[in-house]
Amino acid sequence: MKRLLTILCFTLIFSASATPQSILDDVEQHFQIIGDFITQSGDTIKNCKIGYRYFGNINSDSSNVILYCTWFGGNSEAIGRLIRKYQFIDTTKFFIIAADALGNGVSSSPSNYAGKFPEISIKDMINSQYLLLTKHFNLKNIYAIIGGSMGSMQALQWSVTYPDFASKIVAYVPSPKLSSYDMLWINTQIKLIETLRKYNSTEREIKTLSDMLTALISRTPDYITENIEAEKFNEYLETFNKEPDKIFTLENYLSQLKAIRNFDLTKDFENDLNKTAAKIHSKLFLIISRRDMMVNPAFSLKLADITGCRTLILDNNCGHLAVTCEMEKVRKAIADFLSD
């Protein structure tokens, strides 16, 4: 009953307009059942649940709300740590809702679903979030949407599926569609996992190899060479031999990875990036890693050129994790964009 009253009060605060309201940072995991959710494939997720956390203070008119989309395998708890440790988004100015994406083990996922879990897409992730924000929180629009990696795919999908819902979009290490190189490594991962499962390898063995492959392409060769001493390589190699994640299980991993594999923002617009870009009404900020080996930057650079949007090009040797190597620079750039 206490939890129900908390959620009801939270909903009322979102719809209130008479007096200023304030909510302190909340580290508690929340859930909302959005009902039977029909996926893009036509299947149904019964009693679909969406996890979320919230941080900061909300304005009386809800004009400072930011949706933060989770990255591949990420969750709202991890977003909370990022916000707190680096003050990544200013919670004295903005109210952040961190929404757990379908398939991450917190929201409806293969690991917590009774029966066969349907195939999901990036669009399914944002459609479920749309129901959370509009039906549960009674929001008609919000100030901004932010996301990195798979979270940036969600943010960009928001920009064309619901083009007037957010005033601003921040997408870091993004791409509006996969390059052939991206598709190569993703299909290699999927083939590796499915083949090893066919031959009854343990989840620990499979994840060890999968994580090694991910490490190979998430950083640049220069980064690995400079940061891992050859004499200590065996110690580094042993770090991959660990117990599998109990929340982001192998089934969840495959579910989200296949959603990424099928992501293409242009497919609803005649596979034309120019026509896709024309659908974007939000102010757009793209933070692109020039040496990203995991999400090739070519299509993001092209989208930036077409839209003339604000960009920040990172040219360090950290690859897909370039933001972590220039955290303060990125944090300031995002703050400037959100304040403009």
C-alpha atoms as a PDB file:
ATOM      1  CA  MET A   1       0.000   0.000   0.000  1.00  0.00           C
ATOM      2  CA  LYS A   2       2.836   2.390   0.875  1.00  0.00           C
ATOM      3  CA  ARG A   3       4.494   1.747  -2.512  1.00  0.00           C
ATOM      4  CA  LEU A   4       1.179   2.301  -4.325  1.00  0.00           C
ATOM      5  CA  LEU A   5       0.649   5.618  -2.561  1.00  0.00           C
ATOM      6  CA  THR A   6       4.178   6.695  -3.521  1.00  0.00           C
ATOM      7  CA  ILE A   7       3.514   5.975  -7.193  1.00  0.00           C
ATOM      8  CA  LEU A   8       0.136   7.728  -7.085  1.00  0.00           C
ATOM      9  CA  CYS A   9       1.665  10.805  -5.497  1.00  0.00           C
ATOM     10  CA  PHE A  10       4.403  10.815  -8.115  1.00  0.00           C
ATOM     11  CA  THR A  11       1.815  10.698 -10.901  1.00  0.00           C
ATOM     12  CA  LEU A  12      -0.140  13.557  -9.366  1.00  0.00           C
ATOM     13  CA  ILE A  13       3.011  15.668  -9.130  1.00  0.00           C
ATOM     14  CA  PHE A  14       3.621  15.229 -12.856  1.00  0.00           C
ATOM     15  CA  SER A  15       0.137  16.500 -13.692  1.00  0.00           C
ATOM     16  CA  ALA A  16       0.088  19.318 -11.130  1.00  0.00           C
ATOM     17  CA  SER A  17       0.383  22.900 -12.363  1.00  0.00           C
ATOM     18  CA  ALA A  18      -0.777  25.117  -9.506  1.00  0.00           C
ATOM     19  CA  THR A  19       2.269  25.122  -7.238  1.00  0.00           C
ATOM     20  CA  PRO A  20       5.945  24.171  -7.564  1.00  0.00           C
ATOM     21  CA  GLN A  21       6.700  20.616  -6.573  1.00  0.00           C
ATOM     22  CA  SER A  22      10.010  18.979  -5.712  1.00  0.00           C
ATOM     23  CA  ILE A  23      11.139  15.391  -5.661  1.00  0.00           C
ATOM     24  CA  LEU A  24      14.446  14.415  -4.149  1.00  0.00           C
ATOM     25  CA  ASP A  25      16.726  11.979  -5.947  1.00  0.00           C
ATOM     26  CA  ASP A  26      15.201   8.518  -5.709  1.00  0.00           C
ATOM     27  CA  VAL A  27      17.493   5.506  -5.869  1.00  0.00           C
ATOM     28  CA  GLU A  28      14.614   3.050  -5.629  1.00  0.00           C
ATOM     29  CA  GLN A  29      13.764   0.841  -8.587  1.00  0.00           C
ATOM     30  CA  HIS A  30      10.224   1.451  -9.789  1.00  0.00           C
ATOM     31  CA  PHE A  31       8.065  -0.575 -12.159  1.00  0.00           C
ATOM     32  CA  GLN A  32       5.009   0.181 -14.202  1.00  0.00           C
ATOM     33  CA  ILE A  33       2.793  -2.377 -15.931  1.00  0.00           C
ATOM     34  CA  ILE A  34       1.804  -0.881 -19.290  1.00  0.00           C
ATOM     35  CA  GLY A  35      -0.530  -3.751 -20.212  1.00  0.00           C
ATOM     36  CA  ASP A  36      -0.349  -6.191 -23.107  1.00  0.00           C
ATOM     37  CA  PHE A  37       2.189  -4.667 -25.438  1.00  0.00           C
ATOM     38  CA  ILE A  38       2.115  -5.480 -29.152  1.00  0.00           C
ATOM     39  CA  THR A  39       5.598  -5.550 -30.675  1.00  0.00           C
ATOM     40  CA  GLN A  40       6.619  -4.518 -34.185  1.00  0.00           C
ATOM     41  CA  SER A  41       6.745  -8.200 -35.111  1.00  0.00           C
ATOM     42  CA  GLY A  42       3.057  -8.522 -34.186  1.00  0.00           C
ATOM     43  CA  ASP A  43       3.624 -10.592 -31.061  1.00  0.00           C
ATOM     44  CA  THR A  44       2.413  -9.590 -27.610  1.00  0.00           C
ATOM     45  CA  ILE A  45       4.348  -9.110 -24.378  1.00  0.00           C
ATOM     46  CA  LYS A  46       1.721  -9.953 -21.779  1.00  0.00           C
ATOM     47  CA  ASN A  47       1.515  -7.580 -18.817  1.00  0.00           C
ATOM     48  CA  CYS A  48       4.564  -5.729 -20.076  1.00  0.00           C
ATOM     49  CA  LYS A  49       6.492  -4.013 -17.299  1.00  0.00           C
ATOM     50  CA  ILE A  50       8.892  -1.096 -17.593  1.00  0.00           C
ATOM     51  CA  GLY A  51      11.461  -0.317 -14.924  1.00  0.00           C
ATOM     52  CA  TYR A  52      12.602   3.224 -14.162  1.00  0.00           C
ATOM     53  CA  ARG A  53      14.319   5.469 -11.650  1.00  0.00           C
ATOM     54  CA  TYR A  54      14.143   9.233 -11.306  1.00  0.00           C
ATOM     55  CA  PHE A  55      16.616  11.899 -10.230  1.00  0.00           C
ATOM     56  CA  GLY A  56      16.394  15.622  -9.515  1.00  0.00           C
ATOM     57  CA  ASN A  57      13.531  18.052  -9.037  1.00  0.00           C
ATOM     58  CA  ILE A  58      10.522  18.502 -11.285  1.00  0.00           C
ATOM     59  CA  ASN A  59       9.115  21.893 -12.263  1.00  0.00           C
ATOM     60  CA  SER A  60       5.481  22.679 -11.579  1.00  0.00           C
ATOM     61  CA  ASP A  61       4.737  22.501 -15.308  1.00  0.00           C
ATOM     62  CA  SER A  62       6.992  19.463 -15.967  1.00  0.00           C
ATOM     63  CA  SER A  63       9.045  21.559 -18.403  1.00  0.00           C
ATOM     64  CA  ASN A  64      12.421  20.230 -17.250  1.00  0.00           C
ATOM     65  CA  VAL A  65      11.885  16.495 -17.763  1.00  0.00           C
ATOM     66  CA  ILE A  66      14.611  14.496 -19.501  1.00  0.00           C
ATOM     67  CA  LEU A  67      14.275  10.869 -20.534  1.00  0.00           C
ATOM     68  CA  TYR A  68      17.558   8.954 -20.280  1.00  0.00           C
ATOM     69  CA  CYS A  69      17.602   5.761 -22.379  1.00  0.00           C
ATOM     70  CA  THR A  70      19.761   2.829 -21.307  1.00  0.00           C
ATOM     71  CA  TRP A  71      22.707   1.561 -23.327  1.00  0.00           C
ATOM     72  CA  PHE A  72      23.169  -2.082 -24.399  1.00  0.00           C
ATOM     73  CA  GLY A  73      22.993  -4.149 -21.228  1.00  0.00           C
ATOM     74  CA  GLY A  74      22.675  -1.023 -19.132  1.00  0.00           C
ATOM     75  CA  ASN A  75      19.981  -0.230 -16.600  1.00  0.00           C
ATOM     76  CA  SER A  76      18.573   2.715 -14.703  1.00  0.00           C
ATOM     77  CA  GLU A  77      20.767   1.920 -11.702  1.00  0.00           C
ATOM     78  CA  ALA A  78      23.896   2.345 -13.845  1.00  0.00           C
ATOM     79  CA  ILE A  79      22.558   5.641 -15.202  1.00  0.00           C
ATOM     80  CA  GLY A  80      22.082   6.778 -11.625  1.00  0.00           C
ATOM     81  CA  ARG A  81      25.715   5.996 -10.838  1.00  0.00           C
ATOM     82  CA  LEU A  82      26.834   7.923 -13.929  1.00  0.00           C
ATOM     83  CA  ILE A  83      24.750  10.943 -12.965  1.00  0.00           C
ATOM     84  CA  ARG A  84      25.938  10.956  -9.364  1.00  0.00           C
ATOM     85  CA  LYS A  85      29.632  10.247  -9.927  1.00  0.00           C
ATOM     86  CA  TYR A  86      30.207  12.700 -12.783  1.00  0.00           C
ATOM     87  CA  GLN A  87      27.252  15.105 -12.386  1.00  0.00           C
ATOM     88  CA  PHE A  88      26.650  14.052 -15.998  1.00  0.00           C
ATOM     89  CA  ILE A  89      23.264  15.792 -16.080  1.00  0.00           C
ATOM     90  CA  ASP A  90      22.551  18.652 -13.695  1.00  0.00           C
ATOM     91  CA  THR A  91      19.839  17.399 -11.346  1.00  0.00           C
ATOM     92  CA  THR A  92      19.458  20.887  -9.841  1.00  0.00           C
ATOM     93  CA  LYS A  93      18.041  22.026 -13.193  1.00  0.00           C
ATOM     94  CA  PHE A  94      16.552  18.892 -14.709  1.00  0.00           C
ATOM     95  CA  PHE A  95      14.370  16.003 -13.678  1.00  0.00           C
ATOM     96  CA  ILE A  96      15.669  12.788 -15.206  1.00  0.00           C
ATOM     97  CA  ILE A  97      13.630   9.654 -15.784  1.00  0.00           C
ATOM     98  CA  ALA A  98      15.963   6.758 -16.510  1.00  0.00           C
ATOM     99  CA  ALA A  99      13.931   4.092 -18.294  1.00  0.00           C
ATOM    100  CA  ASP A 100      15.054   0.468 -18.462  1.00  0.00           C
ATOM    101  CA  ALA A 101      14.893  -0.772 -22.053  1.00  0.00           C
ATOM    102  CA  LEU A 102      13.013  -3.941 -22.881  1.00  0.00           C
ATOM    103  CA  GLY A 103      15.323  -6.940 -22.726  1.00  0.00           C
ATOM    104  CA  ASN A 104      17.743  -5.593 -20.117  1.00  0.00           C
ATOM    105  CA  GLY A 105      16.617  -7.959 -17.363  1.00  0.00           C
ATOM    106  CA  VAL A 106      14.796  -5.266 -15.364  1.00  0.00           C
ATOM    107  CA  SER A 107      11.952  -4.402 -17.723  1.00  0.00           C
ATOM    108  CA  SER A 108      10.167  -7.286 -19.447  1.00  0.00           C
ATOM    109  CA  SER A 109      12.895  -9.580 -20.787  1.00  0.00           C
ATOM    110  CA  PRO A 110      13.499 -13.229 -21.674  1.00  0.00           C
ATOM    111  CA  SER A 111      14.868 -13.833 -18.156  1.00  0.00           C
ATOM    112  CA  ASN A 112      11.766 -12.633 -16.298  1.00  0.00           C
ATOM    113  CA  TYR A 113       8.996 -13.533 -18.726  1.00  0.00           C
ATOM    114  CA  ALA A 114       6.724 -16.566 -18.499  1.00  0.00           C
ATOM    115  CA  GLY A 115       6.798 -18.280 -21.862  1.00  0.00           C
ATOM    116  CA  LYS A 116       8.636 -17.467 -25.067  1.00  0.00           C
ATOM    117  CA  PHE A 117       9.689 -13.827 -25.120  1.00  0.00           C
ATOM    118  CA  PRO A 118       8.892 -12.089 -28.429  1.00  0.00           C
ATOM    119  CA  GLU A 119      11.504 -10.606 -30.703  1.00  0.00           C
ATOM    120  CA  ILE A 120      11.913  -6.922 -29.884  1.00  0.00           C
ATOM    121  CA  SER A 121      13.138  -3.873 -31.772  1.00  0.00           C
ATOM    122  CA  ILE A 122      14.530  -0.462 -30.876  1.00  0.00           C
ATOM    123  CA  LYS A 123      11.142   0.956 -31.860  1.00  0.00           C
ATOM    124  CA  ASP A 124       9.475  -1.424 -29.371  1.00  0.00           C
ATOM    125  CA  MET A 125      11.738  -0.026 -26.660  1.00  0.00           C
ATOM    126  CA  ILE A 126      10.710   3.565 -27.329  1.00  0.00           C
ATOM    127  CA  ASN A 127       7.027   2.729 -27.870  1.00  0.00           C
ATOM    128  CA  SER A 128       6.951   1.122 -24.425  1.00  0.00           C
ATOM    129  CA  GLN A 129       8.629   4.220 -22.963  1.00  0.00           C
ATOM    130  CA  TYR A 130       6.085   6.422 -24.718  1.00  0.00           C
ATOM    131  CA  LEU A 131       3.298   4.554 -22.936  1.00  0.00           C
ATOM    132  CA  LEU A 132       5.141   4.938 -19.637  1.00  0.00           C
ATOM    133  CA  LEU A 133       5.526   8.702 -20.046  1.00  0.00           C
ATOM    134  CA  THR A 134       2.130   9.508 -21.541  1.00  0.00           C
ATOM    135  CA  LYS A 135      -0.174   7.058 -19.769  1.00  0.00           C
ATOM    136  CA  HIS A 136       1.507   6.706 -16.397  1.00  0.00           C
ATOM    137  CA  PHE A 137       3.057  10.163 -15.970  1.00  0.00           C
ATOM    138  CA  ASN A 138       0.519  12.085 -18.089  1.00  0.00           C
ATOM    139  CA  LEU A 139       3.241  13.869 -20.051  1.00  0.00           C
ATOM    140  CA  LYS A 140       2.357  15.330 -23.441  1.00  0.00           C
ATOM    141  CA  ASN A 141       5.942  16.348 -24.184  1.00  0.00           C
ATOM    142  CA  ILE A 142       9.293  16.618 -22.441  1.00  0.00           C
ATOM    143  CA  TYR A 143      12.352  18.824 -22.596  1.00  0.00           C
ATOM    144  CA  ALA A 144      14.944  16.345 -23.842  1.00  0.00           C
ATOM    145  CA  ILE A 145      15.910  12.752 -24.529  1.00  0.00           C
ATOM    146  CA  ILE A 146      19.458  11.508 -24.068  1.00  0.00           C
ATOM    147  CA  GLY A 147      21.152   8.191 -24.729  1.00  0.00           C
ATOM    148  CA  GLY A 148      24.463   6.607 -25.616  1.00  0.00           C
ATOM    149  CA  SER A 149      25.235   3.651 -27.889  1.00  0.00           C
ATOM    150  CA  MET A 150      22.006   1.592 -27.972  1.00  0.00           C
ATOM    151  CA  GLY A 151      20.506   4.418 -25.917  1.00  0.00           C
ATOM    152  CA  SER A 152      21.387   6.816 -28.736  1.00  0.00           C
ATOM    153  CA  MET A 153      19.565   4.546 -31.179  1.00  0.00           C
ATOM    154  CA  GLN A 154      16.502   4.857 -28.965  1.00  0.00           C
ATOM    155  CA  ALA A 155      16.916   8.642 -28.772  1.00  0.00           C
ATOM    156  CA  LEU A 156      17.164   8.904 -32.573  1.00  0.00           C
ATOM    157  CA  GLN A 157      14.183   6.578 -32.982  1.00  0.00           C
ATOM    158  CA  TRP A 158      12.203   8.894 -30.701  1.00  0.00           C
ATOM    159  CA  SER A 159      13.139  11.823 -32.958  1.00  0.00           C
ATOM    160  CA  VAL A 160      11.348  10.373 -35.995  1.00  0.00           C
ATOM    161  CA  THR A 161       8.617   8.243 -34.401  1.00  0.00           C
ATOM    162  CA  TYR A 162       7.448  11.003 -32.037  1.00  0.00           C
ATOM    163  CA  PRO A 163       9.080  14.068 -33.620  1.00  0.00           C
ATOM    164  CA  ASP A 164       7.307  16.658 -31.466  1.00  0.00           C
ATOM    165  CA  PHE A 165       7.581  14.920 -28.106  1.00  0.00           C
ATOM    166  CA  ALA A 166      11.020  16.240 -27.054  1.00  0.00           C
ATOM    167  CA  SER A 167      12.474  19.671 -27.697  1.00  0.00           C
ATOM    168  CA  LYS A 168      16.042  18.366 -27.713  1.00  0.00           C
ATOM    169  CA  ILE A 169      17.820  15.102 -28.484  1.00  0.00           C
ATOM    170  CA  VAL A 170      21.321  14.215 -27.283  1.00  0.00           C
ATOM    171  CA  ALA A 171      22.820  11.097 -28.860  1.00  0.00           C
ATOM    172  CA  TYR A 172      26.372  10.052 -28.013  1.00  0.00           C
ATOM    173  CA  VAL A 173      28.375   7.425 -29.939  1.00  0.00           C
ATOM    174  CA  PRO A 174      25.313   7.119 -32.185  1.00  0.00           C
ATOM    175  CA  SER A 175      24.314   5.948 -35.610  1.00  0.00           C
ATOM    176  CA  PRO A 176      21.011   6.303 -37.491  1.00  0.00           C
ATOM    177  CA  LYS A 177      21.683   2.908 -39.097  1.00  0.00           C
ATOM    178  CA  LEU A 178      24.298   0.171 -39.026  1.00  0.00           C
ATOM    179  CA  SER A 179      27.237   0.088 -41.384  1.00  0.00           C
ATOM    180  CA  SER A 180      28.279  -3.190 -42.997  1.00  0.00           C
ATOM    181  CA  TYR A 181      31.165  -3.374 -40.507  1.00  0.00           C
ATOM    182  CA  ASP A 182      28.726  -2.992 -37.598  1.00  0.00           C
ATOM    183  CA  MET A 183      26.587  -5.783 -39.022  1.00  0.00           C
ATOM    184  CA  LEU A 184      29.667  -7.992 -39.402  1.00  0.00           C
ATOM    185  CA  TRP A 185      30.668  -7.876 -35.741  1.00  0.00           C
ATOM    186  CA  ILE A 186      27.081  -8.170 -34.485  1.00  0.00           C
ATOM    187  CA  ASN A 187      26.354 -11.203 -36.652  1.00  0.00           C
ATOM    188  CA  THR A 188      29.692 -12.696 -35.572  1.00  0.00           C
ATOM    189  CA  GLN A 189      28.642 -12.318 -31.932  1.00  0.00           C
ATOM    190  CA  ILE A 190      25.248 -13.886 -32.550  1.00  0.00           C
ATOM    191  CA  LYS A 191      26.702 -16.758 -34.586  1.00  0.00           C
ATOM    192  CA  LEU A 192      29.348 -17.395 -31.949  1.00  0.00           C
ATOM    193  CA  ILE A 193      26.811 -17.539 -29.126  1.00  0.00           C
ATOM    194  CA  GLU A 194      24.284 -19.669 -30.985  1.00  0.00           C
ATOM    195  CA  THR A 195      26.958 -22.126 -32.186  1.00  0.00           C
ATOM    196  CA  LEU A 196      28.473 -22.533 -28.727  1.00  0.00           C
ATOM    197  CA  ARG A 197      25.019 -23.101 -27.239  1.00  0.00           C
ATOM    198  CA  LYS A 198      24.359 -25.752 -29.880  1.00  0.00           C
ATOM    199  CA  TYR A 199      27.406 -27.627 -28.599  1.00  0.00           C
ATOM    200  CA  ASN A 200      26.337 -27.237 -24.957  1.00  0.00           C
ATOM    201  CA  SER A 201      29.020 -24.798 -23.840  1.00  0.00           C
ATOM    202  CA  THR A 202      28.313 -23.255 -20.460  1.00  0.00           C
ATOM    203  CA  GLU A 203      27.026 -19.718 -20.190  1.00  0.00           C
ATOM    204  CA  ARG A 204      30.281 -18.769 -18.467  1.00  0.00           C
ATOM    205  CA  GLU A 205      32.355 -20.102 -21.364  1.00  0.00           C
ATOM    206  CA  ILE A 206      30.161 -18.363 -23.919  1.00  0.00           C
ATOM    207  CA  LYS A 207      30.194 -15.017 -22.144  1.00  0.00           C
ATOM    208  CA  THR A 208      33.971 -15.179 -21.708  1.00  0.00           C
ATOM    209  CA  LEU A 209      34.471 -15.456 -25.458  1.00  0.00           C
ATOM    210  CA  SER A 210      31.733 -12.930 -26.202  1.00  0.00           C
ATOM    211  CA  ASP A 211      33.223 -10.398 -23.798  1.00  0.00           C
ATOM    212  CA  MET A 212      36.673 -10.894 -25.310  1.00  0.00           C
ATOM    213  CA  LEU A 213      35.271 -10.159 -28.755  1.00  0.00           C
ATOM    214  CA  THR A 214      33.504  -7.091 -27.417  1.00  0.00           C
ATOM    215  CA  ALA A 215      36.733  -5.835 -25.832  1.00  0.00           C
ATOM    216  CA  LEU A 216      38.486  -6.320 -29.158  1.00  0.00           C
ATOM    217  CA  ILE A 217      36.221  -3.853 -30.961  1.00  0.00           C
ATOM    218  CA  SER A 218      35.043  -1.507 -28.204  1.00  0.00           C
ATOM    219  CA  ARG A 219      38.523   0.044 -27.889  1.00  0.00           C
ATOM    220  CA  THR A 220      41.105   0.812 -30.533  1.00  0.00           C
ATOM    221  CA  PRO A 221      44.281  -1.281 -30.976  1.00  0.00           C
ATOM    222  CA  ASP A 222      46.280   1.739 -29.775  1.00  0.00           C
ATOM    223  CA  TYR A 223      44.296   1.892 -26.549  1.00  0.00           C
ATOM    224  CA  ILE A 224      44.815  -1.800 -25.779  1.00  0.00           C
ATOM    225  CA  THR A 225      48.508  -1.620 -26.644  1.00  0.00           C
ATOM    226  CA  GLU A 226      49.086   1.450 -24.488  1.00  0.00           C
ATOM    227  CA  ASN A 227      47.043   0.333 -21.484  1.00  0.00           C
ATOM    228  CA  ILE A 228      47.635  -3.427 -21.262  1.00  0.00           C
ATOM    229  CA  GLU A 229      51.253  -4.376 -20.705  1.00  0.00           C
ATOM    230  CA  ALA A 230      52.279  -7.385 -22.752  1.00  0.00           C
ATOM    231  CA  GLU A 231      53.994  -8.843 -19.690  1.00  0.00           C
ATOM    232  CA  LYS A 232      50.693  -8.697 -17.771  1.00  0.00           C
ATOM    233  CA  PHE A 233      48.456  -9.876 -20.603  1.00  0.00           C
ATOM    234  CA  ASN A 234      47.595 -13.190 -18.932  1.00  0.00           C
ATOM    235  CA  GLU A 235      46.275 -11.278 -15.914  1.00  0.00           C
ATOM    236  CA  TYR A 236      44.154  -9.151 -18.241  1.00  0.00           C
ATOM    237  CA  LEU A 237      42.895 -12.240 -20.056  1.00  0.00           C
ATOM    238  CA  GLU A 238      41.811 -13.792 -16.774  1.00  0.00           C
ATOM    239  CA  THR A 239      39.490 -10.834 -16.077  1.00  0.00           C
ATOM    240  CA  PHE A 240      37.136 -12.200 -18.746  1.00  0.00           C
ATOM    241  CA  ASN A 241      36.703 -15.489 -16.887  1.00  0.00           C
ATOM    242  CA  LYS A 242      33.951 -14.566 -14.455  1.00  0.00           C
ATOM    243  CA  GLU A 243      30.454 -15.522 -13.434  1.00  0.00           C
ATOM    244  CA  PRO A 244      27.796 -14.389 -15.932  1.00  0.00           C
ATOM    245  CA  ASP A 245      25.581 -11.459 -15.041  1.00  0.00           C
ATOM    246  CA  LYS A 246      22.468 -12.691 -13.251  1.00  0.00           C
ATOM    247  CA  ILE A 247      20.329  -9.793 -14.539  1.00  0.00           C
ATOM    248  CA  PHE A 248      21.607  -9.246 -18.071  1.00  0.00           C
ATOM    249  CA  THR A 249      21.636 -12.949 -18.876  1.00  0.00           C
ATOM    250  CA  LEU A 250      22.743 -14.522 -22.133  1.00  0.00           C
ATOM    251  CA  GLU A 251      19.129 -14.658 -23.348  1.00  0.00           C
ATOM    252  CA  ASN A 252      18.702 -10.964 -22.591  1.00  0.00           C
ATOM    253  CA  TYR A 253      22.021 -10.241 -24.288  1.00  0.00           C
ATOM    254  CA  LEU A 254      20.856 -11.930 -27.468  1.00  0.00           C
ATOM    255  CA  SER A 255      17.458 -10.224 -27.336  1.00  0.00           C
ATOM    256  CA  GLN A 256      18.927  -6.716 -27.256  1.00  0.00           C
ATOM    257  CA  LEU A 257      21.750  -7.569 -29.662  1.00  0.00           C
ATOM    258  CA  LYS A 258      19.233  -8.744 -32.268  1.00  0.00           C
ATOM    259  CA  ALA A 259      17.251  -5.543 -31.747  1.00  0.00           C
ATOM    260  CA  ILE A 260      20.405  -3.579 -32.530  1.00  0.00           C
ATOM    261  CA  ARG A 261      21.127  -5.762 -35.566  1.00  0.00           C
ATOM    262  CA  ASN A 262      17.751  -4.851 -37.065  1.00  0.00           C
ATOM    263  CA  PHE A 263      17.971  -1.137 -36.300  1.00  0.00           C
ATOM    264  CA  ASP A 264      17.725   1.195 -39.296  1.00  0.00           C
ATOM    265  CA  LEU A 265      16.155   4.601 -38.860  1.00  0.00           C
ATOM    266  CA  THR A 266      15.756   5.005 -42.618  1.00  0.00           C
ATOM    267  CA  LYS A 267      13.699   1.905 -43.350  1.00  0.00           C
ATOM    268  CA  ASP A 268      10.407   3.717 -42.735  1.00  0.00           C
ATOM    269  CA  PHE A 269      11.506   6.504 -45.083  1.00  0.00           C
ATOM    270  CA  GLU A 270      12.409   4.667 -48.296  1.00  0.00           C
ATOM    271  CA  ASN A 271      15.898   3.926 -46.943  1.00  0.00           C
ATOM    272  CA  ASP A 272      16.745   7.558 -47.579  1.00  0.00           C
ATOM    273  CA  LEU A 273      18.704   9.372 -44.864  1.00  0.00           C
ATOM    274  CA  ASN A 274      17.726  12.782 -46.263  1.00  0.00           C
ATOM    275  CA  LYS A 275      14.014  11.936 -45.991  1.00  0.00           C
ATOM    276  CA  THR A 276      14.616  10.521 -42.529  1.00  0.00           C
ATOM    277  CA  ALA A 277      16.411  13.665 -41.390  1.00  0.00           C
ATOM    278  CA  ALA A 278      13.523  15.805 -42.627  1.00  0.00           C
ATOM    279  CA  LYS A 279      11.267  14.126 -40.032  1.00  0.00           C
ATOM    280  CA  ILE A 280      13.408  15.321 -37.116  1.00  0.00           C
ATOM    281  CA  HIS A 281      11.873  18.383 -35.433  1.00  0.00           C
ATOM    282  CA  SER A 282      13.902  18.350 -32.214  1.00  0.00           C
ATOM    283  CA  LYS A 283      17.149  20.238 -31.820  1.00  0.00           C
ATOM    284  CA  LEU A 284      19.782  17.565 -32.288  1.00  0.00           C
ATOM    285  CA  PHE A 285      23.208  17.151 -30.666  1.00  0.00           C
ATOM    286  CA  LEU A 286      25.419  14.307 -31.899  1.00  0.00           C
ATOM    287  CA  ILE A 287      28.559  13.339 -29.975  1.00  0.00           C
ATOM    288  CA  ILE A 288      30.577  11.181 -32.351  1.00  0.00           C
ATOM    289  CA  SER A 289      33.715   9.119 -31.810  1.00  0.00           C
ATOM    290  CA  ARG A 290      35.771   9.343 -34.978  1.00  0.00           C
ATOM    291  CA  ARG A 291      37.654   6.132 -34.113  1.00  0.00           C
ATOM    292  CA  ASP A 292      34.609   4.100 -33.072  1.00  0.00           C
ATOM    293  CA  MET A 293      35.023   0.471 -34.167  1.00  0.00           C
ATOM    294  CA  MET A 294      31.763  -0.735 -32.616  1.00  0.00           C
ATOM    295  CA  VAL A 295      29.329   1.831 -34.044  1.00  0.00           C
ATOM    296  CA  ASN A 296      30.890   3.156 -37.210  1.00  0.00           C
ATOM    297  CA  PRO A 297      30.622   6.970 -37.323  1.00  0.00           C
ATOM    298  CA  ALA A 298      30.040   7.324 -41.097  1.00  0.00           C
ATOM    299  CA  PHE A 299      26.237   7.563 -41.001  1.00  0.00           C
ATOM    300  CA  SER A 300      26.254   9.837 -37.946  1.00  0.00           C
ATOM    301  CA  LEU A 301      28.642  12.209 -39.686  1.00  0.00           C
ATOM    302  CA  LYS A 302      26.359  12.161 -42.719  1.00  0.00           C
ATOM    303  CA  LEU A 303      23.270  12.846 -40.580  1.00  0.00           C
ATOM    304  CA  ALA A 304      25.093  15.743 -38.918  1.00  0.00           C
ATOM    305  CA  ASP A 305      25.960  17.160 -42.334  1.00  0.00           C
ATOM    306  CA  ILE A 306      22.379  16.842 -43.609  1.00  0.00           C
ATOM    307  CA  THR A 307      20.749  18.397 -40.544  1.00  0.00           C
ATOM    308  CA  GLY A 308      23.442  20.952 -39.741  1.00  0.00           C
ATOM    309  CA  CYS A 309      22.975  19.964 -36.100  1.00  0.00           C
ATOM    310  CA  ARG A 310      25.368  20.631 -33.261  1.00  0.00           C
ATOM    311  CA  THR A 311      28.175  18.086 -33.050  1.00  0.00           C
ATOM    312  CA  LEU A 312      31.093  17.192 -30.837  1.00  0.00           C
ATOM    313  CA  ILE A 313      33.689  15.033 -32.580  1.00  0.00           C
ATOM    314  CA  LEU A 314      35.901  13.028 -30.221  1.00  0.00           C
ATOM    315  CA  ASP A 315      39.179  11.865 -31.743  1.00  0.00           C
ATOM    316  CA  ASN A 316      40.855   9.935 -28.936  1.00  0.00           C
ATOM    317  CA  ASN A 317      41.998   6.304 -28.973  1.00  0.00           C
ATOM    318  CA  CYS A 318      39.183   5.026 -26.735  1.00  0.00           C
ATOM    319  CA  GLY A 319      36.971   3.911 -29.617  1.00  0.00           C
ATOM    320  CA  HIS A 320      33.330   3.328 -28.748  1.00  0.00           C
ATOM    321  CA  LEU A 321      34.069   4.334 -25.138  1.00  0.00           C
ATOM    322  CA  ALA A 322      35.466   7.711 -26.201  1.00  0.00           C
ATOM    323  CA  VAL A 323      33.100   9.578 -23.885  1.00  0.00           C
ATOM    324  CA  THR A 324      34.644   7.954 -20.801  1.00  0.00           C
ATOM    325  CA  CYS A 325      38.060   9.304 -21.803  1.00  0.00           C
ATOM    326  CA  GLU A 326      36.820  12.894 -22.152  1.00  0.00           C
ATOM    327  CA  MET A 327      34.050  12.886 -19.588  1.00  0.00           C
ATOM    328  CA  GLU A 328      34.376  16.490 -18.423  1.00  0.00           C
ATOM    329  CA  LYS A 329      34.462  17.837 -21.989  1.00  0.00           C
ATOM    330  CA  VAL A 330      31.347  15.856 -22.890  1.00  0.00           C
ATOM    331  CA  ARG A 331      29.547  16.759 -19.688  1.00  0.00           C
ATOM    332  CA  LYS A 332      30.132  20.467 -20.294  1.00  0.00           C
ATOM    333  CA  ALA A 333      29.079  20.218 -23.946  1.00  0.00           C
ATOM    334  CA  ILE A 334      25.805  18.506 -22.986  1.00  0.00           C
ATOM    335  CA  ALA A 335      25.160  21.091 -20.255  1.00  0.00           C
ATOM    336  CA  ASP A 336      25.711  23.933 -22.745  1.00  0.00           C
ATOM    337  CA  PHE A 337      23.350  22.354 -25.270  1.00  0.00           C
ATOM    338  CA  LEU A 338      20.622  21.753 -22.689  1.00  0.00           C
ATOM    339  CA  SER A 339      20.944  25.320 -21.381  1.00  0.00           C
ATOM    340  CA  ASP A 340      20.760  27.029 -24.777  1.00  0.00           C
END
